[in-house]
Amino acid sequence: MFCSSTECKGEEKVTQPPGDVILTQGQTATLKCTFTTADPNRALFWYKQEVNSYPKFILTRSRYSADSSPEFVKDRFDAELKDSSVPLRIRDLHVCDSAVYYCTSSNMTDSGHITI
């Protein structure tokens, strides 16, 4: 039997709204990330990429687990996996939080920018 990949697996997609988020120091940023997947156990990841640097792992969330990098303090960087979203919350923004933030799942990537 032959079938296309979407018929066999279902479509998988990770999306972040386009554009920059511009906030001031001390505010709270919420970066949105939505996803569709045929795999209910899919893990979602957040990364931060500063200018002239590589992406740094912030956290991952799945239905059964949550992991965070010790570099990103949990009381400031957090995300909650909901039905089809995993928004990243950054509390008490600092100038050093200005970066591109990537929401990923497997090999699918989208990004959002924060400027402070």
N, C-alpha and C. Protein backbone atom coordinates (compact mmCIF):
# COMPACT_ATOMS: atom_id res chain seq x y z
N MET A 1 0.84 -1.18 0.00
CA MET A 1 0.00 0.00 0.00
C MET A 1 0.88 1.24 0.00
N PHE A 2 0.50 2.26 -0.75
CA PHE A 2 1.25 3.51 -0.83
C PHE A 2 0.39 4.63 -0.28
N CYS A 3 1.00 5.51 0.49
CA CYS A 3 0.29 6.70 0.96
C CYS A 3 1.30 7.82 1.14
N SER A 4 0.83 9.05 1.05
CA SER A 4 1.73 10.19 1.25
C SER A 4 2.05 10.31 2.74
N SER A 5 3.10 11.06 3.07
CA SER A 5 3.53 11.16 4.47
C SER A 5 2.45 11.78 5.36
N THR A 6 1.66 12.74 4.83
CA THR A 6 0.61 13.33 5.67
C THR A 6 -0.54 12.36 5.89
N GLU A 7 -0.80 11.48 4.93
CA GLU A 7 -1.85 10.49 5.13
C GLU A 7 -1.43 9.44 6.14
N CYS A 8 -0.15 9.09 6.14
CA CYS A 8 0.34 8.04 7.04
C CYS A 8 0.62 8.57 8.44
N LYS A 9 1.23 9.74 8.53
CA LYS A 9 1.71 10.26 9.80
C LYS A 9 0.87 11.40 10.35
N GLY A 10 0.24 12.16 9.53
CA GLY A 10 -0.43 13.37 9.96
C GLY A 10 0.55 14.53 9.86
N GLU A 11 0.03 15.73 9.70
CA GLU A 11 0.88 16.90 9.54
C GLU A 11 1.40 17.36 10.91
N GLU A 12 2.68 17.70 10.96
CA GLU A 12 3.28 18.24 12.17
C GLU A 12 3.82 19.62 11.87
N LYS A 13 3.54 20.58 12.76
CA LYS A 13 3.90 21.96 12.49
C LYS A 13 4.10 22.70 13.81
N VAL A 14 5.12 23.57 13.84
CA VAL A 14 5.38 24.46 14.98
C VAL A 14 5.35 25.88 14.44
N THR A 15 4.60 26.77 15.12
CA THR A 15 4.43 28.14 14.62
C THR A 15 4.58 29.15 15.75
N GLN A 16 5.31 30.23 15.45
CA GLN A 16 5.37 31.39 16.34
C GLN A 16 4.89 32.59 15.55
N PRO A 17 4.20 33.53 16.20
CA PRO A 17 3.76 34.74 15.50
C PRO A 17 4.98 35.51 14.98
N PRO A 18 4.89 36.10 13.79
CA PRO A 18 6.02 36.88 13.26
C PRO A 18 6.17 38.20 13.99
N GLY A 19 7.36 38.79 13.85
CA GLY A 19 7.59 40.12 14.40
C GLY A 19 8.32 40.10 15.72
N ASP A 20 8.75 41.28 16.11
CA ASP A 20 9.51 41.46 17.34
C ASP A 20 8.57 41.79 18.50
N VAL A 21 9.01 41.44 19.70
CA VAL A 21 8.33 41.84 20.93
C VAL A 21 9.24 42.88 21.57
N ILE A 22 8.74 44.10 21.76
CA ILE A 22 9.56 45.16 22.33
C ILE A 22 8.99 45.52 23.70
N LEU A 23 9.81 45.32 24.73
CA LEU A 23 9.40 45.55 26.11
C LEU A 23 10.49 46.31 26.84
N THR A 24 10.21 46.70 28.07
CA THR A 24 11.21 47.39 28.88
C THR A 24 11.66 46.49 30.02
N GLN A 25 12.80 46.86 30.59
CA GLN A 25 13.35 46.11 31.70
C GLN A 25 12.33 45.97 32.82
N GLY A 26 12.29 44.77 33.42
CA GLY A 26 11.39 44.52 34.54
C GLY A 26 10.04 43.96 34.14
N GLN A 27 9.66 44.10 32.87
CA GLN A 27 8.37 43.57 32.42
C GLN A 27 8.45 42.05 32.25
N THR A 28 7.30 41.44 31.96
CA THR A 28 7.22 40.01 31.68
C THR A 28 6.90 39.82 30.21
N ALA A 29 7.66 38.97 29.54
CA ALA A 29 7.42 38.64 28.14
C ALA A 29 6.76 37.27 28.07
N THR A 30 5.80 37.12 27.18
CA THR A 30 5.21 35.81 26.88
C THR A 30 5.34 35.60 25.39
N LEU A 31 6.18 34.64 25.00
CA LEU A 31 6.39 34.32 23.59
C LEU A 31 5.52 33.12 23.25
N LYS A 32 4.68 33.29 22.26
CA LYS A 32 3.73 32.23 21.89
C LYS A 32 4.36 31.21 20.96
N CYS A 33 3.94 29.98 21.10
CA CYS A 33 4.35 28.89 20.22
C CYS A 33 3.20 27.90 20.18
N THR A 34 2.69 27.66 18.98
CA THR A 34 1.62 26.67 18.83
C THR A 34 2.13 25.53 17.96
N PHE A 35 1.50 24.39 18.10
CA PHE A 35 1.94 23.22 17.35
C PHE A 35 0.76 22.32 17.02
N THR A 36 0.93 21.57 15.95
CA THR A 36 0.01 20.48 15.62
C THR A 36 0.89 19.26 15.41
N THR A 37 0.44 18.14 15.92
CA THR A 37 1.21 16.92 15.81
C THR A 37 0.31 15.70 15.91
N ALA A 38 0.71 14.65 15.26
CA ALA A 38 0.00 13.38 15.37
C ALA A 38 0.53 12.56 16.53
N ASP A 39 1.64 12.99 17.11
CA ASP A 39 2.30 12.27 18.20
C ASP A 39 1.99 12.95 19.53
N PRO A 40 1.14 12.38 20.36
CA PRO A 40 0.78 13.02 21.63
C PRO A 40 1.93 13.09 22.62
N ASN A 41 3.01 12.37 22.37
CA ASN A 41 4.17 12.38 23.27
C ASN A 41 5.29 13.30 22.79
N ARG A 42 5.04 14.13 21.78
CA ARG A 42 6.04 15.02 21.22
C ARG A 42 6.55 16.00 22.26
N ALA A 43 7.86 16.21 22.29
CA ALA A 43 8.46 17.20 23.19
C ALA A 43 8.69 18.50 22.43
N LEU A 44 8.46 19.62 23.11
CA LEU A 44 8.69 20.94 22.55
C LEU A 44 9.86 21.57 23.28
N PHE A 45 10.69 22.31 22.55
CA PHE A 45 11.90 22.90 23.10
C PHE A 45 11.93 24.40 22.86
N TRP A 46 12.55 25.14 23.78
CA TRP A 46 12.82 26.56 23.60
C TRP A 46 14.33 26.78 23.66
N TYR A 47 14.82 27.63 22.74
CA TYR A 47 16.24 28.01 22.67
C TYR A 47 16.35 29.51 22.58
N LYS A 48 17.47 30.04 23.06
CA LYS A 48 17.78 31.46 22.98
C LYS A 48 19.05 31.62 22.16
N GLN A 49 19.00 32.54 21.16
CA GLN A 49 20.19 32.81 20.37
C GLN A 49 20.49 34.30 20.40
N GLU A 50 21.63 34.64 21.01
CA GLU A 50 22.08 36.02 21.06
C GLU A 50 22.88 36.33 19.79
N VAL A 51 23.10 37.60 19.51
CA VAL A 51 23.85 38.02 18.33
C VAL A 51 25.24 37.38 18.35
N ASN A 52 25.67 36.88 17.20
CA ASN A 52 27.00 36.26 17.03
C ASN A 52 27.24 35.08 17.97
N SER A 53 26.19 34.34 18.29
CA SER A 53 26.33 33.19 19.18
C SER A 53 25.48 32.04 18.65
N TYR A 54 25.61 30.91 19.26
CA TYR A 54 24.85 29.72 18.89
C TYR A 54 23.58 29.64 19.76
N PRO A 55 22.56 28.90 19.33
CA PRO A 55 21.35 28.74 20.16
C PRO A 55 21.67 27.99 21.45
N LYS A 56 21.14 28.49 22.56
CA LYS A 56 21.33 27.86 23.87
C LYS A 56 20.01 27.28 24.35
N PHE A 57 20.05 26.03 24.79
CA PHE A 57 18.86 25.34 25.29
C PHE A 57 18.34 26.03 26.54
N ILE A 58 17.04 26.34 26.56
CA ILE A 58 16.39 26.92 27.75
C ILE A 58 15.62 25.83 28.48
N LEU A 59 14.67 25.20 27.77
CA LEU A 59 13.83 24.19 28.42
C LEU A 59 13.13 23.32 27.40
N THR A 60 12.62 22.22 27.88
CA THR A 60 11.78 21.34 27.08
C THR A 60 10.55 20.94 27.90
N ARG A 61 9.45 20.78 27.22
CA ARG A 61 8.21 20.35 27.87
C ARG A 61 7.57 19.27 27.02
N SER A 62 7.06 18.27 27.68
CA SER A 62 6.28 17.24 27.01
C SER A 62 5.14 16.85 27.94
N ARG A 63 4.33 15.96 27.48
CA ARG A 63 3.20 15.51 28.28
C ARG A 63 3.64 14.86 29.59
N TYR A 64 4.82 14.20 29.55
CA TYR A 64 5.27 13.44 30.72
C TYR A 64 6.49 14.00 31.43
N SER A 65 7.12 15.03 30.87
CA SER A 65 8.35 15.52 31.51
C SER A 65 8.57 17.00 31.27
N ALA A 66 9.43 17.57 32.10
CA ALA A 66 9.84 18.96 31.97
C ALA A 66 11.30 19.03 32.39
N ASP A 67 12.10 19.71 31.57
CA ASP A 67 13.52 19.85 31.86
C ASP A 67 13.93 21.27 31.54
N SER A 68 14.83 21.83 32.35
CA SER A 68 15.30 23.19 32.14
C SER A 68 16.80 23.24 32.29
N SER A 69 17.43 24.15 31.55
CA SER A 69 18.86 24.37 31.68
C SER A 69 19.12 25.15 32.97
N PRO A 70 20.15 24.78 33.74
CA PRO A 70 20.45 25.52 34.97
C PRO A 70 20.84 26.97 34.69
N GLU A 71 21.29 27.25 33.47
CA GLU A 71 21.68 28.62 33.11
C GLU A 71 20.49 29.57 33.11
N PHE A 72 19.29 29.04 32.85
CA PHE A 72 18.09 29.86 32.78
C PHE A 72 17.24 29.59 34.02
N VAL A 73 17.33 30.50 34.97
CA VAL A 73 16.71 30.34 36.28
C VAL A 73 15.21 30.14 36.14
N LYS A 74 14.70 29.08 36.78
CA LYS A 74 13.29 28.71 36.64
C LYS A 74 12.32 29.79 37.11
N ASP A 75 12.70 30.60 38.09
CA ASP A 75 11.76 31.63 38.53
C ASP A 75 11.64 32.77 37.52
N ARG A 76 12.51 32.80 36.49
CA ARG A 76 12.39 33.81 35.42
C ARG A 76 11.96 33.21 34.08
N PHE A 77 12.42 32.01 33.75
CA PHE A 77 12.12 31.35 32.47
C PHE A 77 11.26 30.12 32.73
N ASP A 78 10.05 30.13 32.15
CA ASP A 78 9.18 28.98 32.37
C ASP A 78 8.22 28.83 31.19
N ALA A 79 7.72 27.62 31.02
CA ALA A 79 6.72 27.35 29.98
C ALA A 79 5.82 26.23 30.47
N GLU A 80 4.57 26.33 30.07
CA GLU A 80 3.60 25.29 30.43
C GLU A 80 3.03 24.71 29.15
N LEU A 81 3.11 23.41 29.01
CA LEU A 81 2.56 22.73 27.84
C LEU A 81 1.05 22.66 27.99
N LYS A 82 0.35 23.30 27.05
CA LYS A 82 -1.11 23.26 27.05
C LYS A 82 -1.54 22.40 25.88
N ASP A 83 -2.82 22.36 25.55
CA ASP A 83 -3.33 21.50 24.49
C ASP A 83 -2.50 21.56 23.21
N SER A 84 -2.34 22.74 22.65
CA SER A 84 -1.59 22.87 21.40
C SER A 84 -0.64 24.06 21.43
N SER A 85 -0.17 24.42 22.63
CA SER A 85 0.77 25.53 22.74
C SER A 85 1.73 25.31 23.91
N VAL A 86 2.85 26.00 23.83
CA VAL A 86 3.84 25.96 24.91
C VAL A 86 4.49 27.35 24.99
N PRO A 87 3.74 28.36 25.49
CA PRO A 87 4.27 29.72 25.55
C PRO A 87 5.43 29.83 26.56
N LEU A 88 6.47 30.56 26.16
CA LEU A 88 7.61 30.81 27.03
C LEU A 88 7.37 32.12 27.77
N ARG A 89 7.48 32.09 29.09
CA ARG A 89 7.32 33.27 29.94
C ARG A 89 8.68 33.64 30.51
N ILE A 90 9.06 34.91 30.32
CA ILE A 90 10.31 35.43 30.89
C ILE A 90 9.92 36.59 31.80
N ARG A 91 10.11 36.39 33.09
CA ARG A 91 9.74 37.40 34.08
C ARG A 91 10.93 38.32 34.36
N ASP A 92 10.63 39.53 34.82
CA ASP A 92 11.65 40.48 35.24
C ASP A 92 12.74 40.61 34.17
N LEU A 93 12.34 41.06 32.98
CA LEU A 93 13.26 41.14 31.85
C LEU A 93 14.50 41.98 32.16
N HIS A 94 15.64 41.50 31.65
CA HIS A 94 16.92 42.19 31.75
C HIS A 94 17.36 42.52 30.33
N VAL A 95 18.23 43.50 30.17
CA VAL A 95 18.75 43.84 28.85
C VAL A 95 19.39 42.62 28.19
N CYS A 96 20.04 41.78 28.97
CA CYS A 96 20.70 40.59 28.42
C CYS A 96 19.71 39.55 27.89
N ASP A 97 18.41 39.75 28.07
CA ASP A 97 17.40 38.83 27.52
C ASP A 97 17.09 39.14 26.06
N SER A 98 17.61 40.26 25.52
CA SER A 98 17.40 40.59 24.11
C SER A 98 18.04 39.52 23.25
N ALA A 99 17.25 38.86 22.41
CA ALA A 99 17.75 37.74 21.61
C ALA A 99 16.64 37.25 20.69
N VAL A 100 16.98 36.23 19.90
CA VAL A 100 15.99 35.49 19.12
C VAL A 100 15.69 34.22 19.90
N TYR A 101 14.42 33.93 20.09
CA TYR A 101 13.98 32.74 20.82
C TYR A 101 13.32 31.78 19.85
N TYR A 102 13.76 30.53 19.86
CA TYR A 102 13.25 29.50 18.96
C TYR A 102 12.42 28.48 19.71
N CYS A 103 11.27 28.18 19.16
CA CYS A 103 10.43 27.10 19.63
C CYS A 103 10.59 25.97 18.61
N THR A 104 10.92 24.78 19.08
CA THR A 104 11.16 23.68 18.15
C THR A 104 10.51 22.39 18.63
N SER A 105 10.33 21.49 17.69
CA SER A 105 9.92 20.13 17.95
C SER A 105 10.60 19.27 16.90
N SER A 106 11.44 18.40 17.32
CA SER A 106 12.23 17.59 16.39
C SER A 106 13.00 18.50 15.45
N ASN A 107 12.75 18.37 14.12
CA ASN A 107 13.48 19.20 13.18
C ASN A 107 12.68 20.39 12.69
N MET A 108 11.56 20.72 13.34
CA MET A 108 10.75 21.87 12.95
C MET A 108 11.10 23.05 13.84
N THR A 109 11.30 24.22 13.24
CA THR A 109 11.73 25.39 13.99
C THR A 109 10.98 26.63 13.55
N ASP A 110 10.69 27.49 14.50
CA ASP A 110 10.19 28.83 14.22
C ASP A 110 10.83 29.73 15.26
N SER A 111 10.75 31.05 15.11
CA SER A 111 11.45 31.92 16.04
C SER A 111 10.68 33.18 16.34
N GLY A 112 11.05 33.82 17.45
CA GLY A 112 10.49 35.12 17.84
C GLY A 112 11.61 35.95 18.42
N HIS A 113 11.52 37.27 18.30
CA HIS A 113 12.57 38.17 18.76
C HIS A 113 12.08 38.96 19.96
N ILE A 114 12.98 39.25 20.89
CA ILE A 114 12.68 40.17 21.98
C ILE A 114 13.74 41.27 21.94
N THR A 115 13.30 42.52 21.99
CA THR A 115 14.21 43.65 22.10
C THR A 115 13.85 44.41 23.35
N ILE A 116 14.86 44.66 24.18
CA ILE A 116 14.64 45.39 25.44
C ILE A 116 15.46 46.66 25.42
